[in-house]
């Protein structure tokens, strides 16, 4: 199963980006979708998740109020709207899919991963 993440880039602090992730329909319609990030020399970190039906979302404290996860069932896509970006948001961002129907915040909760898209925030 292949997830395709896109939308990364270089942006100045305070700017915005929208990351996208496309998934196969059979995965998208039944799985919790999540975003993680990994900065150089650091462990992979949970960013946000959204339940299979879009009813429940969860954002890490570090991004709450700035980032918003959403999903579009017509396009089998999940998005991460990133506003008020900070240099510490610089990382490779990964989308992932989990069969777990509860709150999924650990990498081991997820079954499928995308290839990552790089976000660089300059000060």
Protein backbone atom coordinates (compact mmCIF):
# COMPACT_ATOMS: atom_id res chain seq x y z
CA UNK A 1 0.00 0.00 0.00
CA UNK A 2 1.48 3.32 -1.04
CA UNK A 3 0.62 6.69 0.42
CA UNK A 4 1.71 9.77 -1.51
CA UNK A 5 2.59 12.86 0.51
CA UNK A 6 3.21 16.23 -1.10
CA UNK A 7 3.13 19.95 -0.46
CA UNK A 8 6.32 20.53 1.45
CA UNK A 9 8.66 23.41 0.71
CA UNK A 10 10.63 26.31 2.09
CA UNK A 11 8.69 29.05 3.85
CA UNK A 12 9.51 31.95 6.12
CA UNK A 13 8.50 31.93 9.76
CA UNK A 14 4.88 32.96 10.11
CA UNK A 15 3.98 31.53 6.72
CA UNK A 16 1.66 28.69 5.75
CA UNK A 17 1.76 25.42 3.86
CA UNK A 18 -0.79 22.74 3.11
CA UNK A 19 0.41 19.18 2.98
CA UNK A 20 -1.56 16.55 1.10
CA UNK A 21 -1.59 12.78 1.24
CA UNK A 22 -3.37 10.49 -1.21
CA UNK A 23 -4.27 6.95 -0.21
CA UNK A 24 -5.92 4.01 -1.95
CA UNK A 25 -9.68 4.15 -1.49
CA UNK A 26 -9.86 0.84 0.39
CA UNK A 27 -7.39 2.16 2.95
CA UNK A 28 -8.67 5.69 3.16
CA UNK A 29 -12.28 4.68 3.85
CA UNK A 30 -11.46 2.39 6.76
CA UNK A 31 -8.34 3.74 8.43
CA UNK A 32 -7.39 6.47 10.82
CA UNK A 33 -5.05 8.84 9.00
CA UNK A 34 -2.20 10.60 10.71
CA UNK A 35 0.71 12.96 10.21
CA UNK A 36 4.10 12.59 11.86
CA UNK A 37 7.29 14.55 11.49
CA UNK A 38 10.96 13.86 12.00
CA UNK A 39 13.62 16.51 12.37
CA UNK A 40 17.31 15.68 11.84
CA UNK A 41 18.70 13.76 14.79
CA UNK A 42 15.31 13.44 16.45
CA UNK A 43 12.73 10.71 16.80
CA UNK A 44 9.60 10.62 14.71
CA UNK A 45 6.96 12.77 16.39
CA UNK A 46 3.17 12.62 16.22
CA UNK A 47 1.53 15.73 14.75
CA UNK A 48 -2.16 15.02 14.15
CA UNK A 49 -4.69 12.30 13.38
CA UNK A 50 -8.22 12.04 12.03
CA UNK A 51 -10.61 9.11 12.35
CA UNK A 52 -11.80 7.10 9.36
CA UNK A 53 -15.08 9.04 9.20
CA UNK A 54 -13.61 12.44 10.03
CA UNK A 55 -15.58 12.70 13.25
CA UNK A 56 -12.59 12.86 15.55
CA UNK A 57 -9.36 14.77 15.22
CA UNK A 58 -6.40 15.08 17.55
CA UNK A 59 -3.48 17.50 17.39
CA UNK A 60 -0.24 17.46 19.34
CA UNK A 61 0.12 20.29 21.83
CA UNK A 62 3.07 21.66 19.87
CA UNK A 63 0.87 22.39 16.84
CA UNK A 64 -2.55 22.92 18.40
CA UNK A 65 -4.12 26.15 17.20
CA UNK A 66 -1.70 26.39 14.25
CA UNK A 67 -2.13 23.14 12.32
CA UNK A 68 -5.39 21.52 11.22
CA UNK A 69 -5.88 18.03 9.88
CA UNK A 70 -8.79 17.28 7.54
CA UNK A 71 -9.85 14.68 5.01
CA UNK A 72 -11.73 14.67 1.70
CA UNK A 73 -13.55 11.42 1.03
CA UNK A 74 -14.22 12.33 -2.59
CA UNK A 75 -10.48 12.56 -3.25
CA UNK A 76 -9.28 9.91 -0.79
CA UNK A 77 -6.94 12.53 0.59
CA UNK A 78 -5.92 13.85 3.97
CA UNK A 79 -4.53 17.32 4.48
CA UNK A 80 -2.46 19.16 7.06
CA UNK A 81 -2.96 22.91 6.97
CA UNK A 82 0.03 24.51 8.64
CA UNK A 83 -0.24 28.15 9.68
CA UNK A 84 2.02 30.41 11.74
CA UNK A 85 4.97 28.17 10.97
CA UNK A 86 8.01 28.32 13.21
CA UNK A 87 11.62 27.27 12.56
CA UNK A 88 11.12 24.38 14.99
CA UNK A 89 8.48 22.96 12.62
CA UNK A 90 11.27 22.17 10.16
CA UNK A 91 11.17 18.41 9.52
CA UNK A 92 10.25 15.71 7.07
CA UNK A 93 6.50 15.15 7.36
CA UNK A 94 5.03 11.70 6.89
CA UNK A 95 1.43 10.64 6.42
CA UNK A 96 0.36 7.25 7.71
CA UNK A 97 -2.70 5.01 7.97
CA UNK A 98 -3.78 2.99 10.98
CA UNK A 99 -6.33 0.21 11.37
CA UNK A 100 -6.59 1.22 15.02
CA UNK A 101 -9.91 2.95 15.60
CA UNK A 102 -8.96 4.62 18.86
CA UNK A 103 -6.54 7.44 19.46
CA UNK A 104 -3.39 6.60 17.52
CA UNK A 105 -0.35 8.71 18.37
CA UNK A 106 2.56 6.28 18.23
CA UNK A 107 4.37 5.22 15.07
CA UNK A 108 3.74 1.57 15.93
CA UNK A 109 -0.03 2.25 15.80
CA UNK A 110 0.27 2.78 12.05
CA UNK A 111 0.38 0.15 9.34
CA UNK A 112 1.17 2.11 6.17
CA UNK A 113 3.46 5.07 5.56
CA UNK A 114 4.11 7.60 2.83
CA UNK A 115 7.55 8.62 1.63
CA UNK A 116 7.69 11.98 3.42
CA UNK A 117 7.66 15.58 2.29
CA UNK A 118 10.18 18.09 3.58
CA UNK A 119 9.19 21.34 5.28
CA UNK A 120 11.81 23.98 5.96
CA UNK A 121 10.92 27.10 7.92
CA UNK A 122 13.46 29.90 7.83
CA UNK A 123 13.72 32.53 10.54
